[in-house]
Protein backbone atom coordinates (compact mmCIF):
# COMPACT_ATOMS: atom_id res chain seq x y z
CA MET A 1 0.00 0.00 0.00
CA ALA A 2 1.42 3.35 -0.99
CA GLU A 3 1.65 5.91 1.78
CA VAL A 4 -0.37 9.07 1.47
CA CYS A 5 1.95 11.99 1.98
CA PHE A 6 0.39 15.19 3.25
CA ASN A 7 2.40 18.28 2.47
CA LEU A 8 2.53 20.11 5.78
CA ALA A 9 4.48 23.09 4.46
CA GLY A 10 2.71 25.89 6.28
CA GLN A 11 -0.45 23.80 6.62
CA VAL A 12 -2.24 22.42 9.67
CA LEU A 13 -3.33 18.78 9.62
CA GLU A 14 -6.45 18.30 11.75
CA ILE A 15 -7.43 14.87 13.08
CA ARG A 16 -10.56 13.73 14.91
CA TRP A 17 -10.61 10.52 16.95
CA HIS A 18 -13.81 8.60 17.76
CA GLY A 19 -13.92 5.89 20.39
CA ARG A 20 -15.68 4.69 23.49
CA GLY A 21 -14.68 5.37 27.07
CA GLY A 22 -11.97 2.90 28.02
CA GLN A 23 -10.61 2.40 24.48
CA GLY A 24 -7.96 5.09 24.82
CA ALA A 25 -8.97 7.68 22.20
CA LYS A 26 -7.81 10.52 24.44
CA THR A 27 -4.58 8.70 25.29
CA ALA A 28 -3.91 7.97 21.61
CA ALA A 29 -4.40 11.62 20.63
CA LEU A 30 -2.06 12.76 23.40
CA LEU A 31 0.54 10.11 22.59
CA PHE A 32 0.40 10.93 18.88
CA GLY A 33 0.69 14.65 19.56
CA GLU A 34 3.54 14.37 22.05
CA SER A 35 5.45 12.01 19.77
CA ALA A 36 4.95 14.36 16.82
CA LEU A 37 6.31 17.17 19.00
CA ASP A 38 9.46 15.12 19.59
CA THR A 39 9.98 14.88 15.82
CA GLY A 40 10.03 18.67 15.56
CA MET A 41 6.39 19.37 14.71
CA HIS A 42 4.07 21.86 16.36
CA ILE A 43 1.06 20.12 17.82
CA GLN A 44 -2.20 20.35 19.71
CA ALA A 45 -3.86 17.36 21.37
CA PHE A 46 -7.08 17.67 23.34
CA PRO A 47 -10.22 15.71 24.22
CA GLU A 48 -13.82 16.72 23.84
CA TYR A 49 -14.84 17.60 27.35
CA GLY A 50 -17.83 15.77 28.76
CA PRO A 51 -18.72 12.56 30.58
CA GLU A 52 -16.22 9.77 29.89
CA ARG A 53 -18.17 6.79 31.19
CA MET A 54 -16.88 3.37 30.23
CA GLY A 55 -18.37 2.56 26.83
CA ALA A 56 -19.78 6.03 26.17
CA PRO A 57 -18.82 7.73 22.88
CA VAL A 58 -15.85 10.09 23.21
CA GLN A 59 -13.87 12.26 20.84
CA ALA A 60 -10.34 13.63 20.85
CA PHE A 61 -8.45 15.86 18.44
CA ASN A 62 -5.02 16.70 17.04
CA ARG A 63 -3.56 19.53 15.08
CA VAL A 64 -0.10 19.04 13.55
CA SER A 65 1.98 21.55 11.59
CA ASP A 66 5.56 22.43 10.76
CA ARG A 67 4.81 25.98 11.96
CA PRO A 68 3.27 27.42 15.14
CA ILE A 69 -0.48 26.75 15.44
CA TRP A 70 -2.47 29.79 16.48
CA SER A 71 -6.01 28.43 16.21
CA HIS A 72 -7.66 27.14 19.37
CA ALA A 73 -11.11 26.68 17.84
CA ALA A 74 -12.90 23.35 17.71
CA VAL A 75 -11.94 20.96 14.91
CA LYS A 76 -14.93 21.08 12.56
CA ARG A 77 -13.39 20.07 9.22
CA PRO A 78 -10.80 17.35 9.92
CA ARG A 79 -8.55 16.02 7.19
CA ILE A 80 -8.40 12.65 8.96
CA VAL A 81 -10.95 10.79 11.09
CA VAL A 82 -9.81 7.79 13.17
CA VAL A 83 -12.51 5.40 14.43
CA LEU A 84 -11.50 3.04 17.24
CA ASP A 85 -14.87 1.26 17.37
CA SER A 86 -16.82 0.53 14.18
CA SER A 87 -20.09 0.32 16.15
CA LEU A 88 -19.89 4.14 16.23
CA ILE A 89 -19.99 4.42 12.44
CA GLU A 90 -23.65 5.36 12.17
CA SER A 91 -24.50 6.69 15.63
CA ALA A 92 -21.56 9.09 15.93
CA ARG A 93 -21.74 10.33 12.31
CA VAL A 94 -18.02 9.85 11.98
CA THR A 95 -17.78 11.28 8.47
CA GLU A 96 -19.42 14.57 9.44
CA GLY A 97 -17.21 17.47 8.36
CA LEU A 98 -14.53 15.23 6.82
CA GLN A 99 -12.82 17.19 4.07
CA GLU A 100 -12.98 16.15 0.43
CA GLY A 101 -9.90 14.06 -0.27
CA GLY A 102 -9.63 13.28 3.43
CA ILE A 103 -8.91 9.97 5.13
CA LEU A 104 -11.20 7.76 7.18
CA LEU A 105 -9.28 5.14 9.20
CA VAL A 106 -11.43 2.46 10.86
CA ASN A 107 -10.73 -0.36 13.30
CA THR A 108 -12.83 -3.14 11.78
CA THR A 109 -12.86 -6.75 10.65
CA ASP A 110 -14.59 -5.61 7.44
CA ASP A 111 -12.60 -5.22 4.27
CA PRO A 112 -12.45 -1.70 2.83
CA ALA A 113 -14.90 -2.45 0.01
CA ALA A 114 -17.57 -3.64 2.46
CA MET A 115 -16.96 -0.68 4.77
CA ARG A 116 -17.15 1.77 1.86
CA GLU A 117 -20.51 0.29 0.84
CA ARG A 118 -21.77 0.35 4.44
CA LEU A 119 -20.92 4.04 4.72
CA ASP A 120 -21.91 4.92 1.15
CA LEU A 121 -18.68 6.92 0.96
CA SER A 122 -17.95 9.22 -1.94
CA LYS A 123 -14.98 8.19 -4.04
CA ASP A 124 -12.94 11.21 -2.97
CA ILE A 125 -12.72 9.95 0.64
CA GLN A 126 -9.73 7.66 1.17
CA LEU A 127 -10.78 4.71 3.33
CA TYR A 128 -8.33 2.55 5.30
CA CYS A 129 -9.18 -0.41 7.53
CA VAL A 130 -7.19 -2.39 10.08
CA ASP A 131 -8.25 -4.99 12.64
CA ALA A 132 -6.67 -3.13 15.55
CA SER A 133 -8.73 -5.04 18.12
CA LYS A 134 -7.33 -8.36 16.93
CA ILE A 135 -3.80 -6.96 16.91
CA ALA A 136 -4.26 -5.60 20.44
CA MET A 137 -5.57 -8.93 21.72
CA GLU A 138 -2.69 -10.83 20.14
CA THR A 139 0.04 -8.48 21.33
CA VAL A 140 -1.11 -6.64 24.46
CA GLY A 141 -3.64 -9.23 25.61
CA LYS A 142 -6.70 -6.99 25.80
CA ASN A 143 -8.98 -5.16 23.41
CA VAL A 144 -7.57 -1.66 23.68
CA PRO A 145 -7.05 -0.65 20.04
CA ASN A 146 -5.56 2.80 20.56
CA THR A 147 -1.87 1.98 20.18
CA PRO A 148 -2.30 -0.18 17.04
CA MET A 149 -4.28 2.67 15.50
CA LEU A 150 -1.27 4.93 16.02
CA GLY A 151 0.76 2.71 13.71
CA ALA A 152 -1.97 2.71 11.09
CA LEU A 153 -2.28 6.49 11.36
CA VAL A 154 1.46 7.01 10.85
CA LYS A 155 1.26 4.80 7.74
CA VAL A 156 -1.72 6.45 6.07
CA THR A 157 -0.59 10.04 6.66
CA GLY A 158 3.00 9.62 5.50
CA VAL A 159 3.80 12.78 7.46
CA PHE A 160 6.38 11.10 9.67
CA GLU A 161 9.22 8.71 8.99
CA PHE A 162 8.23 5.53 10.77
CA GLU A 163 11.38 4.71 12.74
CA PRO A 164 11.91 8.21 14.23
CA MET A 165 8.22 8.29 15.14
CA MET A 166 8.54 4.86 16.74
CA GLU A 167 11.46 6.08 18.83
CA ALA A 168 9.40 9.05 19.99
CA ILE A 169 6.43 6.80 20.83
CA LYS A 170 8.73 4.38 22.66
CA ALA A 171 10.01 7.21 24.85
CA LYS A 172 6.45 8.27 25.66
CA LEU A 173 5.42 4.70 26.48
CA ALA A 174 8.44 4.43 28.78
CA ASP A 175 7.11 7.47 30.68
CA LYS A 176 3.61 5.98 30.80
CA PHE A 177 4.57 2.45 31.86
CA ARG A 178 6.77 2.97 34.89
CA GLY A 179 6.77 1.43 38.31
CA GLY A 180 6.60 -2.21 37.35
CA LYS A 181 4.59 -1.77 34.16
CA GLU A 182 7.60 -1.75 31.82
CA LYS A 183 6.54 -5.16 30.48
CA PHE A 184 3.76 -3.42 28.51
CA ILE A 185 6.14 -1.27 26.45
CA GLU A 186 7.34 -3.89 23.97
CA PRO A 187 3.89 -5.46 23.32
CA ASN A 188 2.52 -2.00 22.52
CA LEU A 189 5.41 -1.28 20.17
CA VAL A 190 4.78 -4.61 18.42
CA SER A 191 1.10 -3.71 18.05
CA ILE A 192 1.99 -0.36 16.48
CA ARG A 193 4.38 -1.96 14.02
CA ARG A 194 1.87 -4.67 13.08
CA ALA A 195 -0.90 -2.16 12.39
CA TYR A 196 1.50 -0.08 10.30
CA GLU A 197 2.14 -3.16 8.19
CA GLU A 198 -1.42 -4.54 8.11
CA VAL A 199 -3.55 -1.45 7.42
CA ARG A 200 -5.26 -1.77 4.04
CA CYS A 201 -7.21 0.32 1.57
């Protein structure tokens, strides 16, 4: 699969994450943003504020640019939408506001053709699918698809070189998993790498 390469020269790439409470959408947005910062980018990473009950729909957002980002408005017209739970496809209106030529990245067992038909997507939307839940179960041991989706996101944007981004993510995971939780670092890194390799269009 060829990588999409967004030209960030003076532009701001806006990303919206959809998930359910407990799936790590907020954590993924923060981890992605902080790792992008370590590669020299300017970033914003923030959740949609509201109740975050286990299983309730949640959103989080990123802005990424090679220049300072002055906007602090809500993300209304994302270039990329990342969906951690395909059961949100209809109820959360995940394609709302997605720019023409934008990317929809979905954690699903469906193949892209079936998902495109399910969503009745226009041809100008680039659709990518990856079974992040399966990858998470096989690597981390539980269905938390946020870290695999990071790998898929890095692949489909083409904004970052993979290995430097992986080093940045590894450093952030090392900060997150301290105090006896270091054993979770490598499984998460494996999940990211697998999703990077297995995402399909």
